[in-house]
C-alpha atoms as a PDB file:
ATOM      1  CA  MET A   1       4.374  11.364  13.261  1.00  0.00           C
ATOM      2  CA  ARG A   2       3.486   7.758  12.455  1.00  0.00           C
ATOM      3  CA  HIS A   3       5.796   5.101  13.877  1.00  0.00           C
ATOM      4  CA  PHE A   4       5.671   1.352  13.332  1.00  0.00           C
ATOM      5  CA  LYS A   5       6.432  -1.021  16.181  1.00  0.00           C
ATOM      6  CA  ASN A   6       5.921  -4.514  14.802  1.00  0.00           C
ATOM      7  CA  ILE A   7       6.844  -5.080  11.148  1.00  0.00           C
ATOM      8  CA  LEU A   8       6.309  -8.230   9.094  1.00  0.00           C
ATOM      9  CA  TYR A   9       8.404  -8.800   5.953  1.00  0.00           C
ATOM     10  CA  VAL A  10       7.138 -11.468   3.541  1.00  0.00           C
ATOM     11  CA  ASN A  11       9.727 -13.252   1.415  1.00  0.00           C
ATOM     12  CA  GLU A  12       9.163 -13.234  -2.357  1.00  0.00           C
ATOM     13  CA  SER A  13      11.747 -15.553  -3.905  1.00  0.00           C
ATOM     14  CA  SER A  14      10.684 -14.817  -7.498  1.00  0.00           C
ATOM     15  CA  VAL A  15      12.397 -11.395  -7.450  1.00  0.00           C
ATOM     16  CA  ALA A  16      15.655  -9.856  -6.276  1.00  0.00           C
ATOM     17  CA  GLN A  17      15.140  -8.636  -2.708  1.00  0.00           C
ATOM     18  CA  GLU A  18      18.337  -6.882  -1.679  1.00  0.00           C
ATOM     19  CA  ASN A  19      16.856  -3.369  -1.694  1.00  0.00           C
ATOM     20  CA  ALA A  20      13.522  -4.560  -0.324  1.00  0.00           C
ATOM     21  CA  ILE A  21      14.924  -6.297   2.755  1.00  0.00           C
ATOM     22  CA  ALA A  22      17.341  -3.395   3.294  1.00  0.00           C
ATOM     23  CA  ARG A  23      14.376  -1.000   3.345  1.00  0.00           C
ATOM     24  CA  ALA A  24      12.543  -3.166   5.882  1.00  0.00           C
ATOM     25  CA  VAL A  25      15.629  -3.290   8.108  1.00  0.00           C
ATOM     26  CA  SER A  26      16.172   0.471   7.920  1.00  0.00           C
ATOM     27  CA  LEU A  27      12.528   1.143   8.695  1.00  0.00           C
ATOM     28  CA  ALA A  28      12.680  -1.146  11.721  1.00  0.00           C
ATOM     29  CA  GLU A  29      15.850   0.578  12.938  1.00  0.00           C
ATOM     30  CA  ASN A  30      14.466   4.087  12.460  1.00  0.00           C
ATOM     31  CA  ASN A  31      11.250   3.178  14.267  1.00  0.00           C
ATOM     32  CA  ASN A  32      12.912   1.066  16.959  1.00  0.00           C
ATOM     33  CA  ALA A  33      10.534  -1.652  15.828  1.00  0.00           C
ATOM     34  CA  SER A  34      10.691  -5.423  15.900  1.00  0.00           C
ATOM     35  CA  LEU A  35      11.128  -7.119  12.517  1.00  0.00           C
ATOM     36  CA  THR A  36       9.936 -10.585  11.585  1.00  0.00           C
ATOM     37  CA  VAL A  37      10.783 -12.149   8.221  1.00  0.00           C
ATOM     38  CA  VAL A  38       8.580 -15.005   7.047  1.00  0.00           C
ATOM     39  CA  ASP A  39       8.370 -17.339   4.105  1.00  0.00           C
ATOM     40  CA  VAL A  40       5.198 -19.223   3.268  1.00  0.00           C
ATOM     41  CA  ILE A  41       5.422 -22.722   1.842  1.00  0.00           C
ATOM     42  CA  PRO A  42       2.597 -25.008   0.714  1.00  0.00           C
ATOM     43  CA  VAL A  43       1.502 -28.154   2.485  1.00  0.00           C
ATOM     44  CA  ILE A  44       3.754 -30.926   1.129  1.00  0.00           C
ATOM     45  CA  THR A  45       2.394 -34.409   0.486  1.00  0.00           C
ATOM     46  CA  ALA A  46       4.234 -37.519  -0.658  1.00  0.00           C
ATOM     47  CA  GLY A  47       3.663 -37.863  -4.395  1.00  0.00           C
ATOM     48  CA  ILE A  48       2.023 -40.817  -6.101  1.00  0.00           C
ATOM     49  CA  GLY A  49       4.589 -43.189  -7.516  1.00  0.00           C
ATOM     50  CA  MET A  50       7.285 -42.604  -4.908  1.00  0.00           C
ATOM     51  CA  PRO A  51       9.279 -45.782  -4.188  1.00  0.00           C
ATOM     52  CA  PRO A  52       8.276 -47.925  -1.218  1.00  0.00           C
ATOM     53  CA  GLY A  53       9.937 -46.856   1.969  1.00  0.00           C
ATOM     54  CA  GLY A  54      10.355 -43.313   0.714  1.00  0.00           C
ATOM     55  CA  PRO A  55       9.903 -40.295   2.955  1.00  0.00           C
ATOM     56  CA  ILE A  56       6.447 -39.634   4.318  1.00  0.00           C
ATOM     57  CA  SER A  57       4.754 -36.269   4.040  1.00  0.00           C
ATOM     58  CA  SER A  58       5.939 -35.052   7.442  1.00  0.00           C
ATOM     59  CA  ASP A  59       9.551 -35.737   6.489  1.00  0.00           C
ATOM     60  CA  LEU A  60       9.186 -33.835   3.219  1.00  0.00           C
ATOM     61  CA  GLN A  61       7.532 -30.934   5.037  1.00  0.00           C
ATOM     62  CA  ALA A  62      10.370 -30.795   7.561  1.00  0.00           C
ATOM     63  CA  TRP A  63      13.031 -30.872   4.831  1.00  0.00           C
ATOM     64  CA  VAL A  64      11.350 -28.139   2.802  1.00  0.00           C
ATOM     65  CA  THR A  65      10.858 -26.051   5.943  1.00  0.00           C
ATOM     66  CA  SER A  66      14.529 -26.404   6.888  1.00  0.00           C
ATOM     67  CA  ASP A  67      15.632 -25.505   3.348  1.00  0.00           C
ATOM     68  CA  HIS A  68      13.505 -22.349   3.277  1.00  0.00           C
ATOM     69  CA  LEU A  69      14.644 -21.343   6.740  1.00  0.00           C
ATOM     70  CA  ASN A  70      18.246 -21.570   5.529  1.00  0.00           C
ATOM     71  CA  ARG A  71      17.332 -19.325   2.618  1.00  0.00           C
ATOM     72  CA  LEU A  72      15.840 -16.744   4.987  1.00  0.00           C
ATOM     73  CA  GLU A  73      19.010 -16.844   7.097  1.00  0.00           C
ATOM     74  CA  LYS A  74      21.070 -16.055   3.996  1.00  0.00           C
ATOM     75  CA  LEU A  75      18.667 -13.250   3.039  1.00  0.00           C
ATOM     76  CA  VAL A  76      19.037 -11.469   6.386  1.00  0.00           C
ATOM     77  CA  SER A  77      22.676 -12.358   7.075  1.00  0.00           C
ATOM     78  CA  PRO A  78      24.025  -8.909   5.997  1.00  0.00           C
ATOM     79  CA  PHE A  79      21.837  -7.254   8.650  1.00  0.00           C
ATOM     80  CA  VAL A  80      21.966  -9.486  11.740  1.00  0.00           C
ATOM     81  CA  ALA A  81      24.641  -7.325  13.348  1.00  0.00           C
ATOM     82  CA  ARG A  82      22.365  -4.283  13.101  1.00  0.00           C
ATOM     83  CA  LEU A  83      19.238  -5.621  14.804  1.00  0.00           C
ATOM     84  CA  GLU A  84      17.530  -8.798  15.934  1.00  0.00           C
ATOM     85  CA  ILE A  85      15.459 -10.331  13.154  1.00  0.00           C
ATOM     86  CA  ASN A  86      12.923 -13.060  13.860  1.00  0.00           C
ATOM     87  CA  LEU A  87      12.559 -15.764  11.214  1.00  0.00           C
ATOM     88  CA  GLU A  88       9.531 -17.991  10.690  1.00  0.00           C
ATOM     89  CA  ILE A  89       8.241 -20.452   8.116  1.00  0.00           C
ATOM     90  CA  LEU A  90       4.476 -20.514   7.648  1.00  0.00           C
ATOM     91  CA  VAL A  91       2.617 -23.348   5.931  1.00  0.00           C
ATOM     92  CA  GLY A  92      -0.407 -22.824   3.694  1.00  0.00           C
ATOM     93  CA  LYS A  93      -1.588 -20.224   1.167  1.00  0.00           C
ATOM     94  CA  THR A  94       0.568 -17.116   1.239  1.00  0.00           C
ATOM     95  CA  PHE A  95      -2.065 -14.412   1.687  1.00  0.00           C
ATOM     96  CA  LEU A  96      -4.082 -16.422   4.212  1.00  0.00           C
ATOM     97  CA  GLU A  97      -1.110 -17.254   6.417  1.00  0.00           C
ATOM     98  CA  VAL A  98       0.231 -13.695   6.274  1.00  0.00           C
ATOM     99  CA  ILE A  99      -3.130 -12.270   7.352  1.00  0.00           C
ATOM    100  CA  ARG A 100      -3.431 -14.857  10.133  1.00  0.00           C
ATOM    101  CA  ALA A 101       0.061 -13.919  11.310  1.00  0.00           C
ATOM    102  CA  VAL A 102      -1.016 -10.263  11.417  1.00  0.00           C
ATOM    103  CA  LEU A 103      -4.077 -11.206  13.469  1.00  0.00           C
ATOM    104  CA  ARG A 104      -2.085 -13.389  15.878  1.00  0.00           C
ATOM    105  CA  ASN A 105       0.832 -11.046  16.427  1.00  0.00           C
ATOM    106  CA  THR A 106      -0.728  -7.601  15.822  1.00  0.00           C
ATOM    107  CA  TYR A 107       1.787  -6.541  13.190  1.00  0.00           C
ATOM    108  CA  ASP A 108       1.208  -2.916  12.219  1.00  0.00           C
ATOM    109  CA  LEU A 109       2.836  -3.104   8.774  1.00  0.00           C
ATOM    110  CA  VAL A 110       3.337  -5.792   6.138  1.00  0.00           C
ATOM    111  CA  ILE A 111       6.185  -5.283   3.653  1.00  0.00           C
ATOM    112  CA  LYS A 112       6.435  -7.532   0.626  1.00  0.00           C
ATOM    113  CA  PRO A 113       8.149  -7.357  -2.769  1.00  0.00           C
ATOM    114  CA  ALA A 114       5.589  -7.496  -5.555  1.00  0.00           C
ATOM    115  CA  GLU A 115       5.304 -10.825  -7.326  1.00  0.00           C
ATOM    116  CA  ASP A 116       7.219 -11.263 -10.568  1.00  0.00           C
ATOM    117  CA  LEU A 117       4.731 -10.903 -13.414  1.00  0.00           C
ATOM    118  CA  VAL A 118       6.928 -10.717 -16.482  1.00  0.00           C
ATOM    119  CA  LEU A 119       4.105 -11.282 -18.965  1.00  0.00           C
ATOM    120  CA  LEU A 120       1.633  -8.860 -17.390  1.00  0.00           C
ATOM    121  CA  GLU A 121       1.520  -5.084 -17.257  1.00  0.00           C
ATOM    122  CA  SER A 122       0.038  -5.097 -13.764  1.00  0.00           C
ATOM    123  CA  LEU A 123       2.550  -4.845 -10.943  1.00  0.00           C
ATOM    124  CA  PHE A 124       0.711  -7.107  -8.525  1.00  0.00           C
ATOM    125  CA  GLY A 125      -0.012 -10.831  -8.529  1.00  0.00           C
ATOM    126  CA  SER A 126      -2.877 -12.679  -6.905  1.00  0.00           C
ATOM    127  CA  ASN A 127      -1.338 -12.938  -3.427  1.00  0.00           C
ATOM    128  CA  ASP A 128      -0.545  -9.227  -3.532  1.00  0.00           C
ATOM    129  CA  MET A 129      -4.105  -8.311  -4.472  1.00  0.00           C
ATOM    130  CA  HIS A 130      -5.537 -10.552  -1.764  1.00  0.00           C
ATOM    131  CA  LEU A 131      -3.350  -8.785   0.807  1.00  0.00           C
ATOM    132  CA  LEU A 132      -4.407  -5.376  -0.490  1.00  0.00           C
ATOM    133  CA  ARG A 133      -8.040  -6.402  -0.220  1.00  0.00           C
ATOM    134  CA  LYS A 134      -8.055  -8.276   3.062  1.00  0.00           C
ATOM    135  CA  CYS A 135      -5.047  -7.558   5.277  1.00  0.00           C
ATOM    136  CA  PRO A 136      -6.131  -5.483   8.320  1.00  0.00           C
ATOM    137  CA  CYS A 137      -2.911  -3.448   8.623  1.00  0.00           C
ATOM    138  CA  PRO A 138      -1.161  -1.262   6.023  1.00  0.00           C
ATOM    139  CA  VAL A 139       0.484  -3.234   3.208  1.00  0.00           C
ATOM    140  CA  TRP A 140       3.629  -1.936   1.499  1.00  0.00           C
ATOM    141  CA  LEU A 141       4.239  -3.674  -1.823  1.00  0.00           C
ATOM    142  CA  LEU A 142       7.645  -2.928  -3.279  1.00  0.00           C
ATOM    143  CA  ASN A 143       8.360  -2.527  -6.970  1.00  0.00           C
ATOM    144  CA  ARG A 144      10.685  -5.131  -8.467  1.00  0.00           C
ATOM    145  CA  ASN A 145      13.020  -2.202  -9.298  1.00  0.00           C
ATOM    146  CA  GLU A 146      12.824  -0.799  -5.762  1.00  0.00           C
ATOM    147  CA  GLN A 147      15.399   1.941  -5.196  1.00  0.00           C
ATOM    148  CA  SER A 148      17.376   2.400  -1.998  1.00  0.00           C
ATOM    149  CA  THR A 149      15.985   5.928  -1.594  1.00  0.00           C
ATOM    150  CA  TYR A 150      12.811   7.665  -2.714  1.00  0.00           C
ATOM    151  CA  ASN A 151      12.716  11.033  -4.459  1.00  0.00           C
ATOM    152  CA  ASN A 152       8.968  11.480  -4.895  1.00  0.00           C
ATOM    153  CA  ILE A 153       6.094  10.166  -2.787  1.00  0.00           C
ATOM    154  CA  LEU A 154       2.489  10.606  -3.921  1.00  0.00           C
ATOM    155  CA  ALA A 155      -0.322  10.695  -1.367  1.00  0.00           C
ATOM    156  CA  ALA A 156      -3.735  10.186  -2.979  1.00  0.00           C
ATOM    157  CA  VAL A 157      -6.621  11.668  -0.978  1.00  0.00           C
ATOM    158  CA  ASP A 158     -10.327  11.844  -1.655  1.00  0.00           C
ATOM    159  CA  PHE A 159     -13.139  13.827  -0.038  1.00  0.00           C
ATOM    160  CA  ASP A 160     -16.537  15.400  -0.545  1.00  0.00           C
ATOM    161  CA  PRO A 161     -15.862  19.026  -1.570  1.00  0.00           C
ATOM    162  CA  PHE A 162     -19.019  20.161   0.245  1.00  0.00           C
ATOM    163  CA  ASN A 163     -17.832  18.637   3.535  1.00  0.00           C
ATOM    164  CA  PRO A 164     -14.108  17.824   3.192  1.00  0.00           C
ATOM    165  CA  LEU A 165     -13.398  17.399   6.902  1.00  0.00           C
ATOM    166  CA  ALA A 166     -16.198  14.909   7.469  1.00  0.00           C
ATOM    167  CA  SER A 167     -15.923  12.638   4.446  1.00  0.00           C
ATOM    168  CA  GLN A 168     -13.167  10.021   4.903  1.00  0.00           C
ATOM    169  CA  LEU A 169     -11.197  12.362   7.188  1.00  0.00           C
ATOM    170  CA  ASP A 170      -9.666   9.618   9.329  1.00  0.00           C
ATOM    171  CA  LEU A 171      -8.513   7.676   6.273  1.00  0.00           C
ATOM    172  CA  ASN A 172      -7.126  10.799   4.598  1.00  0.00           C
ATOM    173  CA  LEU A 173      -5.197  11.755   7.732  1.00  0.00           C
ATOM    174  CA  ALA A 174      -3.790   8.235   8.009  1.00  0.00           C
ATOM    175  CA  ILE A 175      -2.603   8.479   4.384  1.00  0.00           C
ATOM    176  CA  LEU A 176      -1.069  11.915   4.955  1.00  0.00           C
ATOM    177  CA  GLU A 177       0.574  10.963   8.238  1.00  0.00           C
ATOM    178  CA  LEU A 178       2.237   7.893   6.716  1.00  0.00           C
ATOM    179  CA  SER A 179       3.311   9.627   3.529  1.00  0.00           C
ATOM    180  CA  SER A 180       4.664  12.700   5.338  1.00  0.00           C
ATOM    181  CA  SER A 181       6.613  10.569   7.827  1.00  0.00           C
ATOM    182  CA  LEU A 182       8.210   8.625   4.996  1.00  0.00           C
ATOM    183  CA  ALA A 183       8.908  11.742   2.926  1.00  0.00           C
ATOM    184  CA  ILE A 184      10.698  13.406   5.841  1.00  0.00           C
ATOM    185  CA  ALA A 185      12.689  10.255   6.603  1.00  0.00           C
ATOM    186  CA  GLU A 186      13.645   9.793   2.939  1.00  0.00           C
ATOM    187  CA  GLY A 187      14.261  13.467   2.190  1.00  0.00           C
ATOM    188  CA  ALA A 188      11.696  13.024  -0.589  1.00  0.00           C
ATOM    189  CA  THR A 189       9.213  15.460  -2.067  1.00  0.00           C
ATOM    190  CA  LEU A 190       5.643  14.798  -0.960  1.00  0.00           C
ATOM    191  CA  HIS A 191       2.980  15.313  -3.607  1.00  0.00           C
ATOM    192  CA  ILE A 192      -0.578  15.442  -2.281  1.00  0.00           C
ATOM    193  CA  VAL A 193      -2.962  14.615  -5.105  1.00  0.00           C
ATOM    194  CA  HIS A 194      -6.736  14.980  -5.182  1.00  0.00           C
ATOM    195  CA  ALA A 195      -8.497  14.181  -8.433  1.00  0.00           C
ATOM    196  CA  TRP A 196     -11.689  16.066  -9.153  1.00  0.00           C
ATOM    197  CA  ASP A 197     -14.262  16.219 -11.874  1.00  0.00           C
ATOM    198  CA  ALA A 198     -17.087  18.548 -12.962  1.00  0.00           C
ATOM    199  CA  PHE A 199     -19.686  15.867 -13.426  1.00  0.00           C
ATOM    200  CA  ALA A 200     -22.398  18.101 -14.919  1.00  0.00           C
ATOM    201  CA  GLU A 201     -20.074  19.686 -17.485  1.00  0.00           C
ATOM    202  CA  SER A 202     -20.955  17.308 -20.304  1.00  0.00           C
ATOM    203  CA  THR A 203     -24.668  17.711 -19.560  1.00  0.00           C
ATOM    204  CA  LEU A 204     -24.397  21.501 -19.724  1.00  0.00           C
ATOM    205  CA  LEU A 205     -22.450  21.329 -22.966  1.00  0.00           C
ATOM    206  CA  SER A 206     -25.087  19.107 -24.543  1.00  0.00           C
ATOM    207  CA  ARG A 207     -27.988  21.410 -23.670  1.00  0.00           C
ATOM    208  CA  ALA A 208     -28.987  23.800 -26.406  1.00  0.00           C
ATOM    209  CA  GLY A 209     -28.798  27.439 -25.398  1.00  0.00           C
ATOM    210  CA  THR A 210     -26.267  26.987 -22.591  1.00  0.00           C
ATOM    211  CA  SER A 211     -23.701  29.748 -22.890  1.00  0.00           C
ATOM    212  CA  GLU A 212     -19.986  29.091 -22.694  1.00  0.00           C
ATOM    213  CA  LYS A 213     -19.785  31.384 -19.665  1.00  0.00           C
ATOM    214  CA  ILE A 214     -22.232  29.243 -17.707  1.00  0.00           C
ATOM    215  CA  VAL A 215     -20.143  26.141 -18.380  1.00  0.00           C
ATOM    216  CA  VAL A 216     -16.866  27.889 -17.535  1.00  0.00           C
ATOM    217  CA  ASP A 217     -18.285  29.350 -14.330  1.00  0.00           C
ATOM    218  CA  TYR A 218     -19.629  25.958 -13.260  1.00  0.00           C
ATOM    219  CA  VAL A 219     -16.275  24.227 -13.831  1.00  0.00           C
ATOM    220  CA  ASP A 220     -14.376  27.038 -12.067  1.00  0.00           C
ATOM    221  CA  ASN A 221     -16.666  26.807  -9.044  1.00  0.00           C
ATOM    222  CA  GLU A 222     -16.210  23.054  -8.841  1.00  0.00           C
ATOM    223  CA  GLN A 223     -12.440  23.420  -8.988  1.00  0.00           C
ATOM    224  CA  LYS A 224     -12.522  26.067  -6.252  1.00  0.00           C
ATOM    225  CA  ARG A 225     -14.565  23.782  -3.974  1.00  0.00           C
ATOM    226  CA  HIS A 226     -12.040  20.974  -4.363  1.00  0.00           C
ATOM    227  CA  ALA A 227      -9.088  23.344  -3.951  1.00  0.00           C
ATOM    228  CA  ASN A 228     -10.623  24.717  -0.752  1.00  0.00           C
ATOM    229  CA  GLY A 229     -11.128  21.183   0.545  1.00  0.00           C
ATOM    230  CA  LEU A 230      -7.472  20.397  -0.108  1.00  0.00           C
ATOM    231  CA  VAL A 231      -6.430  23.542   1.781  1.00  0.00           C
ATOM    232  CA  LEU A 232      -8.547  22.504   4.778  1.00  0.00           C
ATOM    233  CA  LEU A 233      -7.114  18.988   4.692  1.00  0.00           C
ATOM    234  CA  ASN A 234      -3.579  20.340   4.617  1.00  0.00           C
ATOM    235  CA  GLY A 235      -4.395  22.470   7.633  1.00  0.00           C
ATOM    236  CA  GLU A 236      -5.327  19.263   9.454  1.00  0.00           C
ATOM    237  CA  LEU A 237      -2.009  17.717   8.390  1.00  0.00           C
ATOM    238  CA  SER A 238      -0.090  20.720   9.720  1.00  0.00           C
ATOM    239  CA  ARG A 239      -1.836  20.389  13.079  1.00  0.00           C
ATOM    240  CA  LEU A 240      -1.212  16.659  13.100  1.00  0.00           C
ATOM    241  CA  ILE A 241       2.547  16.706  12.489  1.00  0.00           C
ATOM    242  CA  GLY A 242       3.328  20.182  13.810  1.00  0.00           C
ATOM    243  CA  GLU A 243       3.992  23.457  12.038  1.00  0.00           C
ATOM    244  CA  SER A 244       7.777  23.090  11.939  1.00  0.00           C
ATOM    245  CA  ALA A 245       7.584  19.588  10.437  1.00  0.00           C
ATOM    246  CA  TYR A 246       5.011  20.797   7.926  1.00  0.00           C
ATOM    247  CA  LYS A 247       7.267  23.667   6.849  1.00  0.00           C
ATOM    248  CA  LYS A 248      10.173  21.258   6.464  1.00  0.00           C
ATOM    249  CA  LEU A 249       7.977  18.947   4.438  1.00  0.00           C
ATOM    250  CA  SER A 250       6.581  21.702   2.186  1.00  0.00           C
ATOM    251  CA  PRO A 251       4.232  19.350   0.334  1.00  0.00           C
ATOM    252  CA  ARG A 252       3.223  20.111  -3.224  1.00  0.00           C
ATOM    253  CA  HIS A 253      -0.464  20.024  -4.073  1.00  0.00           C
ATOM    254  CA  HIS A 254      -2.008  18.767  -7.275  1.00  0.00           C
ATOM    255  CA  LEU A 255      -5.624  18.919  -8.465  1.00  0.00           C
ATOM    256  CA  PRO A 256      -5.765  16.903 -11.693  1.00  0.00           C
ATOM    257  CA  LYS A 257      -9.118  17.082 -13.453  1.00  0.00           C
ATOM    258  CA  GLY A 258     -10.725  13.788 -14.377  1.00  0.00           C
ATOM    259  CA  PRO A 259     -11.788  10.461 -12.849  1.00  0.00           C
ATOM    260  CA  ALA A 260      -9.509   9.351 -10.016  1.00  0.00           C
ATOM    261  CA  GLU A 261      -8.930   5.934 -11.580  1.00  0.00           C
ATOM    262  CA  LYS A 262      -7.221   7.652 -14.512  1.00  0.00           C
ATOM    263  CA  ALA A 263      -5.809  10.809 -12.921  1.00  0.00           C
ATOM    264  CA  ILE A 264      -3.893   9.189 -10.024  1.00  0.00           C
ATOM    265  CA  ALA A 265      -1.994   6.745 -12.228  1.00  0.00           C
ATOM    266  CA  ARG A 266      -1.272   9.514 -14.724  1.00  0.00           C
ATOM    267  CA  MET A 267       0.082  11.797 -11.994  1.00  0.00           C
ATOM    268  CA  ALA A 268       2.216   8.989 -10.571  1.00  0.00           C
ATOM    269  CA  LYS A 269       3.842   8.608 -13.965  1.00  0.00           C
ATOM    270  CA  GLU A 270       4.243  12.345 -14.580  1.00  0.00           C
ATOM    271  CA  LEU A 271       5.753  12.950 -11.130  1.00  0.00           C
ATOM    272  CA  ARG A 272       7.964   9.868 -11.372  1.00  0.00           C
ATOM    273  CA  ALA A 273       6.576   8.711  -8.064  1.00  0.00           C
ATOM    274  CA  ASP A 274       8.621   6.054  -6.277  1.00  0.00           C
ATOM    275  CA  LEU A 275       5.747   5.325  -3.905  1.00  0.00           C
ATOM    276  CA  VAL A 276       1.995   5.895  -3.955  1.00  0.00           C
ATOM    277  CA  VAL A 277       0.234   5.967  -0.585  1.00  0.00           C
ATOM    278  CA  MET A 278      -3.497   5.443  -0.978  1.00  0.00           C
ATOM    279  CA  GLY A 279      -6.550   4.155   0.816  1.00  0.00           C
ATOM    280  CA  THR A 280      -8.701   1.164   0.067  1.00  0.00           C
ATOM    281  CA  ILE A 281     -12.395   1.659   0.663  1.00  0.00           C
ATOM    282  CA  ALA A 282     -14.751  -1.049   1.879  1.00  0.00           C
ATOM    283  CA  ARG A 283     -17.936  -1.751  -0.016  1.00  0.00           C
ATOM    284  CA  THR A 284     -20.692  -2.438   2.452  1.00  0.00           C
ATOM    285  CA  GLY A 285     -22.863  -5.471   2.021  1.00  0.00           C
ATOM    286  CA  ILE A 286     -20.456  -7.518  -0.112  1.00  0.00           C
ATOM    287  CA  ALA A 287     -18.602  -9.963   2.116  1.00  0.00           C
ATOM    288  CA  GLY A 288     -14.923 -10.293   1.295  1.00  0.00           C
ATOM    289  CA  PHE A 289     -14.976  -7.533  -1.326  1.00  0.00           C
ATOM    290  CA  ILE A 290     -12.827  -5.000   0.435  1.00  0.00           C
ATOM    291  CA  ILE A 291     -11.112  -2.883  -2.121  1.00  0.00           C
ATOM    292  CA  GLY A 292     -13.226  -0.369  -4.004  1.00  0.00           C
ATOM    293  CA  ASN A 293     -13.558  -0.357  -7.781  1.00  0.00           C
ATOM    294  CA  THR A 294     -11.696   2.940  -8.090  1.00  0.00           C
ATOM    295  CA  ALA A 295      -8.803   1.825  -5.887  1.00  0.00           C
ATOM    296  CA  GLU A 296      -8.423  -1.477  -7.699  1.00  0.00           C
ATOM    297  CA  THR A 297      -8.461   0.222 -11.097  1.00  0.00           C
ATOM    298  CA  ILE A 298      -5.715   2.593  -9.936  1.00  0.00           C
ATOM    299  CA  LEU A 299      -3.609  -0.265  -8.581  1.00  0.00           C
ATOM    300  CA  ASP A 300      -3.874  -2.132 -11.874  1.00  0.00           C
ATOM    301  CA  GLN A 301      -2.234   0.841 -13.633  1.00  0.00           C
ATOM    302  CA  LEU A 302       0.597   1.604 -11.221  1.00  0.00           C
ATOM    303  CA  THR A 303       4.167   0.468 -11.820  1.00  0.00           C
ATOM    304  CA  CYS A 304       5.718   1.938  -8.675  1.00  0.00           C
ATOM    305  CA  SER A 305       5.666   0.754  -5.071  1.00  0.00           C
ATOM    306  CA  VAL A 306       2.376   1.112  -3.186  1.00  0.00           C
ATOM    307  CA  LEU A 307       1.523   1.582   0.482  1.00  0.00           C
ATOM    308  CA  ALA A 308      -2.169   0.750   0.941  1.00  0.00           C
ATOM    309  CA  VAL A 309      -4.061   1.914   4.027  1.00  0.00           C
ATOM    310  CA  LYS A 310      -7.348   0.442   5.250  1.00  0.00           C
ATOM    311  CA  PRO A 311     -10.174   2.666   6.489  1.00  0.00           C
ATOM    312  CA  PRO A 312     -10.730   2.898  10.260  1.00  0.00           C
ATOM    313  CA  GLY A 313     -12.846   0.093  11.627  1.00  0.00           C
ATOM    314  CA  PHE A 314     -11.871  -2.322   8.861  1.00  0.00           C
ATOM    315  CA  VAL A 315     -12.286  -5.995   9.792  1.00  0.00           C
ATOM    316  CA  SER A 316     -10.585  -8.623   7.656  1.00  0.00           C
ATOM    317  CA  PRO A 317     -12.831 -11.317   6.183  1.00  0.00           C
ATOM    318  CA  VAL A 318     -10.034 -13.780   7.013  1.00  0.00           C
ATOM    319  CA  GLY A 319     -10.149 -15.263  10.500  1.00  0.00           C
ATOM    320  CA  LEU A 320      -7.747 -17.378  12.511  1.00  0.00           C
ATOM    321  CA  ALA A 321     -10.095 -20.335  12.356  1.00  0.00           C
ATOM    322  CA  ASP A 322     -10.707 -20.221   8.602  1.00  0.00           C
END
């Protein structure tokens, strides 16, 4: 089972955080992990037009830093008797400083409430999307209406139906291990979802003389290939977490037909998912463009919390010296 050892919580003052920080604390307790809570503030400069003899930039920076540190102390005050919580103020752009902190301190999970975007349908703001694209460790973005417990967790997996245990296996197993660990801890139902499509169906339908049986047989065969791949992948999950844990988990399997960028978001809504665990796929040859088109399209449609997992071997385009 997946355990975290070094968790980073990122303050998001634009939303209520009581349930979010409580979840981070509980996760740290259950994993016997260290927990660091950070806030990121911009570089402060003395403004034009300030009266002579006014505070210089370093004074303003120190005052703002002290003020935000006091706010963090108030945020974590209900939990300090339960575990030791490290507090830190970072200076710079939020996503850059968070990623640099991950690189410096080898955090294995970033937890952050999603930014407040009242006027937009999308759940995630620009800092959130940068973290999803570029942060080297898993990123857990919490819905502004985060609940204290989860009832339904959706794990989105993808594979080549002709070779399901070779295509993206490591990423799929990382998704399943995380989602199953959380489902067991939460007492939630785990829904494993693999979207599939019969790509030649429309071509067959458009060809004159193609019988209905040929089309039906083709679609049925495609569905069977994907179903068989999901069975094989679940066998790997059972071996990974153990047969008894797998029986306790009793995951439910779903094979929605259609493009993943539409089917995953639709299933999340239909299943009333509290959390979607999914992978982000690197595009080779495009520096800094980490999240795949399909993954980003799915994220734009989700309104629940998301735990995003990077593929093995991922290297962040952000460096400590940037």
